Amino acid sequence: MCRWRLYHRHAFLRLSIKYFDIESHYDTLTVHFGQNFNNRAMIVYEWSGTNIDNRDLFITNDNVYLVFTTDRTLNATGFSLNYEFIEKG
């Protein structure tokens, strides 16, 4: 499992998924909103497989966790994404 916390007070998050290819149903990339990972109140997105290339998401919460989980049985090429914070106001 890999976890990334993306936080910038009073900002929007733009998440750009450029490429996505992971094992369907067994590997997942999940986006959570919340103050800490152990008390995540909301799963916003969860992806698996190969169906989300070239997608831009605008997330209005300023505290986001990305979690990649794998069972390590099959290897695919992975994913590529970029993020950018856009200050509110």
N, C-alpha and C. Protein backbone atom coordinates (compact mmCIF):
# COMPACT_ATOMS: atom_id res chain seq x y z
N MET A 1 0.85 -1.17 0.00
CA MET A 1 0.00 0.00 0.00
C MET A 1 0.89 1.24 0.00
N CYS A 2 0.54 2.19 -0.83
CA CYS A 2 1.22 3.49 -0.86
C CYS A 2 0.17 4.55 -0.58
N ARG A 3 0.54 5.54 0.26
CA ARG A 3 -0.39 6.62 0.61
C ARG A 3 0.28 7.96 0.37
N TRP A 4 -0.50 8.90 -0.17
CA TRP A 4 -0.03 10.27 -0.35
C TRP A 4 -1.08 11.20 0.23
N ARG A 5 -0.64 12.16 1.02
CA ARG A 5 -1.54 13.19 1.53
C ARG A 5 -1.28 14.45 0.74
N LEU A 6 -2.33 15.01 0.15
CA LEU A 6 -2.25 16.26 -0.60
C LEU A 6 -3.05 17.30 0.17
N TYR A 7 -2.36 18.31 0.69
CA TYR A 7 -3.02 19.30 1.53
C TYR A 7 -2.50 20.69 1.20
N HIS A 8 -3.43 21.60 1.03
CA HIS A 8 -3.11 23.02 0.92
C HIS A 8 -4.32 23.78 1.41
N ARG A 9 -4.14 24.49 2.49
CA ARG A 9 -5.26 25.21 3.12
C ARG A 9 -5.86 26.20 2.15
N HIS A 10 -7.19 26.18 2.07
CA HIS A 10 -7.97 27.12 1.25
C HIS A 10 -7.61 27.01 -0.23
N ALA A 11 -7.53 25.80 -0.73
CA ALA A 11 -7.21 25.60 -2.14
C ALA A 11 -8.02 24.46 -2.72
N PHE A 12 -8.23 24.52 -4.02
CA PHE A 12 -8.80 23.41 -4.77
C PHE A 12 -7.65 22.53 -5.24
N LEU A 13 -7.96 21.31 -5.56
CA LEU A 13 -6.97 20.39 -6.09
C LEU A 13 -7.38 19.98 -7.49
N ARG A 14 -6.47 20.11 -8.42
CA ARG A 14 -6.69 19.59 -9.77
C ARG A 14 -5.83 18.35 -9.92
N LEU A 15 -6.46 17.23 -10.15
CA LEU A 15 -5.78 15.95 -10.30
C LEU A 15 -5.91 15.53 -11.76
N SER A 16 -4.78 15.38 -12.44
CA SER A 16 -4.77 15.02 -13.86
C SER A 16 -4.20 13.61 -14.01
N ILE A 17 -5.04 12.71 -14.47
CA ILE A 17 -4.62 11.33 -14.70
C ILE A 17 -4.25 11.20 -16.17
N LYS A 18 -2.99 10.98 -16.43
CA LYS A 18 -2.49 10.93 -17.80
C LYS A 18 -2.54 9.52 -18.37
N TYR A 19 -2.28 8.54 -17.52
CA TYR A 19 -2.22 7.16 -17.96
C TYR A 19 -2.61 6.28 -16.79
N PHE A 20 -3.35 5.20 -17.07
CA PHE A 20 -3.81 4.34 -15.98
C PHE A 20 -3.95 2.92 -16.48
N ASP A 21 -3.15 2.01 -15.92
CA ASP A 21 -3.21 0.59 -16.28
C ASP A 21 -2.75 -0.24 -15.08
N ILE A 22 -3.71 -0.68 -14.26
CA ILE A 22 -3.41 -1.55 -13.12
C ILE A 22 -4.33 -2.78 -13.19
N GLU A 23 -4.01 -3.79 -12.42
CA GLU A 23 -4.78 -5.03 -12.46
C GLU A 23 -6.22 -4.79 -12.00
N SER A 24 -7.15 -5.10 -12.86
CA SER A 24 -8.56 -4.87 -12.59
C SER A 24 -9.05 -5.72 -11.41
N HIS A 25 -9.80 -5.09 -10.51
CA HIS A 25 -10.45 -5.71 -9.34
C HIS A 25 -9.50 -6.05 -8.19
N TYR A 26 -8.19 -6.10 -8.41
CA TYR A 26 -7.27 -6.49 -7.35
C TYR A 26 -6.34 -5.35 -6.93
N ASP A 27 -6.07 -4.43 -7.83
CA ASP A 27 -5.29 -3.23 -7.51
C ASP A 27 -6.21 -2.04 -7.64
N THR A 28 -6.10 -1.10 -6.72
CA THR A 28 -6.99 0.06 -6.75
C THR A 28 -6.24 1.34 -6.41
N LEU A 29 -6.72 2.43 -6.96
CA LEU A 29 -6.31 3.77 -6.56
C LEU A 29 -7.57 4.44 -6.03
N THR A 30 -7.50 4.89 -4.78
CA THR A 30 -8.67 5.46 -4.11
C THR A 30 -8.36 6.88 -3.65
N VAL A 31 -9.35 7.77 -3.79
CA VAL A 31 -9.25 9.15 -3.33
C VAL A 31 -10.19 9.31 -2.13
N HIS A 32 -9.63 9.78 -1.01
CA HIS A 32 -10.38 9.98 0.23
C HIS A 32 -10.35 11.47 0.60
N PHE A 33 -11.43 11.96 1.18
CA PHE A 33 -11.46 13.26 1.84
C PHE A 33 -11.37 13.02 3.33
N GLY A 34 -10.71 13.92 4.06
CA GLY A 34 -10.71 13.81 5.51
C GLY A 34 -9.49 14.43 6.14
N GLN A 35 -9.54 14.56 7.47
CA GLN A 35 -8.46 15.18 8.21
C GLN A 35 -7.28 14.25 8.44
N ASN A 36 -7.53 12.94 8.56
CA ASN A 36 -6.44 11.99 8.67
C ASN A 36 -6.83 10.67 8.05
N PHE A 37 -5.86 9.89 7.68
CA PHE A 37 -6.10 8.66 6.95
C PHE A 37 -6.89 7.64 7.76
N ASN A 38 -6.66 7.55 9.05
CA ASN A 38 -7.34 6.56 9.88
C ASN A 38 -8.81 6.89 10.11
N ASN A 39 -9.19 8.15 9.94
CA ASN A 39 -10.56 8.58 10.18
C ASN A 39 -11.14 9.16 8.89
N ARG A 40 -10.92 8.48 7.77
CA ARG A 40 -11.41 9.00 6.50
C ARG A 40 -12.92 8.82 6.42
N ALA A 41 -13.61 9.90 6.25
CA ALA A 41 -15.06 9.87 6.28
C ALA A 41 -15.65 9.55 4.92
N MET A 42 -14.93 9.81 3.85
CA MET A 42 -15.57 9.70 2.55
C MET A 42 -14.60 9.19 1.49
N ILE A 43 -14.98 8.13 0.80
CA ILE A 43 -14.26 7.70 -0.40
C ILE A 43 -14.95 8.39 -1.57
N VAL A 44 -14.18 9.17 -2.30
CA VAL A 44 -14.75 9.97 -3.38
C VAL A 44 -14.64 9.25 -4.73
N TYR A 45 -13.49 8.67 -4.98
CA TYR A 45 -13.25 7.93 -6.22
C TYR A 45 -12.50 6.66 -5.90
N GLU A 46 -12.77 5.62 -6.66
CA GLU A 46 -11.98 4.40 -6.57
C GLU A 46 -11.90 3.80 -7.97
N TRP A 47 -10.66 3.58 -8.44
CA TRP A 47 -10.44 3.11 -9.80
C TRP A 47 -9.63 1.83 -9.80
N SER A 48 -9.88 1.03 -10.84
CA SER A 48 -9.14 -0.19 -11.07
C SER A 48 -9.25 -0.51 -12.55
N GLY A 49 -8.23 -1.12 -13.12
CA GLY A 49 -8.31 -1.48 -14.54
C GLY A 49 -7.60 -0.48 -15.43
N THR A 50 -8.23 -0.15 -16.56
CA THR A 50 -7.56 0.69 -17.56
C THR A 50 -8.45 1.77 -18.16
N ASN A 51 -9.52 2.16 -17.54
CA ASN A 51 -10.53 2.97 -18.21
C ASN A 51 -10.52 4.46 -17.89
N ILE A 52 -9.45 5.03 -17.37
CA ILE A 52 -9.55 6.43 -16.96
C ILE A 52 -8.40 7.31 -17.47
N ASP A 53 -7.81 7.00 -18.62
CA ASP A 53 -6.74 7.82 -19.17
C ASP A 53 -7.23 9.23 -19.49
N ASN A 54 -6.33 10.19 -19.38
CA ASN A 54 -6.57 11.59 -19.76
C ASN A 54 -7.82 12.17 -19.13
N ARG A 55 -7.88 12.11 -17.83
CA ARG A 55 -9.01 12.67 -17.09
C ARG A 55 -8.50 13.72 -16.12
N ASP A 56 -9.19 14.86 -16.06
CA ASP A 56 -8.90 15.91 -15.09
C ASP A 56 -10.04 15.96 -14.08
N LEU A 57 -9.69 15.99 -12.80
CA LEU A 57 -10.67 16.10 -11.73
C LEU A 57 -10.39 17.36 -10.94
N PHE A 58 -11.43 18.09 -10.60
CA PHE A 58 -11.31 19.25 -9.74
C PHE A 58 -11.96 18.91 -8.42
N ILE A 59 -11.16 18.91 -7.36
CA ILE A 59 -11.60 18.48 -6.04
C ILE A 59 -11.63 19.70 -5.13
N THR A 60 -12.78 19.97 -4.53
CA THR A 60 -12.95 21.19 -3.75
C THR A 60 -12.48 21.05 -2.31
N ASN A 61 -12.23 19.86 -1.85
CA ASN A 61 -11.72 19.65 -0.50
C ASN A 61 -10.23 19.94 -0.47
N ASP A 62 -9.72 20.60 0.58
CA ASP A 62 -8.30 20.94 0.63
C ASP A 62 -7.46 19.90 1.37
N ASN A 63 -8.05 18.76 1.73
CA ASN A 63 -7.33 17.71 2.44
C ASN A 63 -7.70 16.37 1.80
N VAL A 64 -6.79 15.84 0.98
CA VAL A 64 -7.08 14.66 0.16
C VAL A 64 -6.00 13.60 0.39
N TYR A 65 -6.42 12.36 0.44
CA TYR A 65 -5.49 11.23 0.49
C TYR A 65 -5.66 10.39 -0.77
N LEU A 66 -4.56 10.02 -1.39
CA LEU A 66 -4.55 9.06 -2.48
C LEU A 66 -3.94 7.78 -1.93
N VAL A 67 -4.60 6.65 -2.16
CA VAL A 67 -4.14 5.37 -1.64
C VAL A 67 -4.10 4.37 -2.79
N PHE A 68 -2.91 3.82 -3.04
CA PHE A 68 -2.77 2.76 -4.03
C PHE A 68 -2.56 1.44 -3.30
N THR A 69 -3.42 0.47 -3.61
CA THR A 69 -3.35 -0.85 -2.98
C THR A 69 -3.18 -1.90 -4.07
N THR A 70 -2.30 -2.86 -3.83
CA THR A 70 -2.05 -3.92 -4.80
C THR A 70 -1.92 -5.26 -4.09
N ASP A 71 -2.27 -6.33 -4.82
CA ASP A 71 -2.05 -7.67 -4.27
C ASP A 71 -0.75 -8.29 -4.77
N ARG A 72 -0.04 -7.60 -5.65
CA ARG A 72 1.28 -7.97 -6.18
C ARG A 72 1.31 -9.28 -6.96
N THR A 73 0.18 -9.74 -7.47
CA THR A 73 0.21 -11.00 -8.21
C THR A 73 0.50 -10.81 -9.69
N LEU A 74 -0.07 -9.80 -10.31
CA LEU A 74 0.18 -9.49 -11.71
C LEU A 74 0.72 -8.08 -11.82
N ASN A 75 1.61 -7.85 -12.76
CA ASN A 75 2.17 -6.52 -12.97
C ASN A 75 1.61 -5.91 -14.24
N ALA A 76 1.12 -4.71 -14.11
CA ALA A 76 0.70 -3.91 -15.27
C ALA A 76 1.67 -2.73 -15.35
N THR A 77 1.43 -1.81 -16.25
CA THR A 77 2.38 -0.71 -16.43
C THR A 77 2.22 0.41 -15.42
N GLY A 78 1.11 0.45 -14.67
CA GLY A 78 0.96 1.44 -13.61
C GLY A 78 0.13 2.64 -14.00
N PHE A 79 0.42 3.78 -13.36
CA PHE A 79 -0.33 4.99 -13.66
C PHE A 79 0.58 6.20 -13.56
N SER A 80 0.13 7.26 -14.21
CA SER A 80 0.84 8.53 -14.17
C SER A 80 -0.19 9.62 -13.89
N LEU A 81 0.08 10.43 -12.88
CA LEU A 81 -0.82 11.54 -12.58
C LEU A 81 -0.03 12.74 -12.11
N ASN A 82 -0.63 13.89 -12.28
CA ASN A 82 -0.08 15.16 -11.80
C ASN A 82 -1.13 15.82 -10.92
N TYR A 83 -0.67 16.67 -10.00
CA TYR A 83 -1.63 17.45 -9.23
C TYR A 83 -1.17 18.89 -9.15
N GLU A 84 -2.15 19.75 -8.94
CA GLU A 84 -1.90 21.19 -8.84
C GLU A 84 -2.89 21.77 -7.85
N PHE A 85 -2.40 22.64 -6.97
CA PHE A 85 -3.29 23.36 -6.05
C PHE A 85 -3.66 24.70 -6.66
N ILE A 86 -4.93 25.04 -6.59
CA ILE A 86 -5.43 26.31 -7.09
C ILE A 86 -6.05 27.04 -5.91
N GLU A 87 -5.48 28.16 -5.53
CA GLU A 87 -5.96 28.89 -4.36
C GLU A 87 -7.36 29.42 -4.56
N LYS A 88 -8.19 29.31 -3.53
CA LYS A 88 -9.57 29.82 -3.58
C LYS A 88 -9.55 31.33 -3.52
N GLY A 89 -10.50 31.90 -4.24
CA GLY A 89 -10.68 33.35 -4.19
C GLY A 89 -9.73 34.04 -5.08
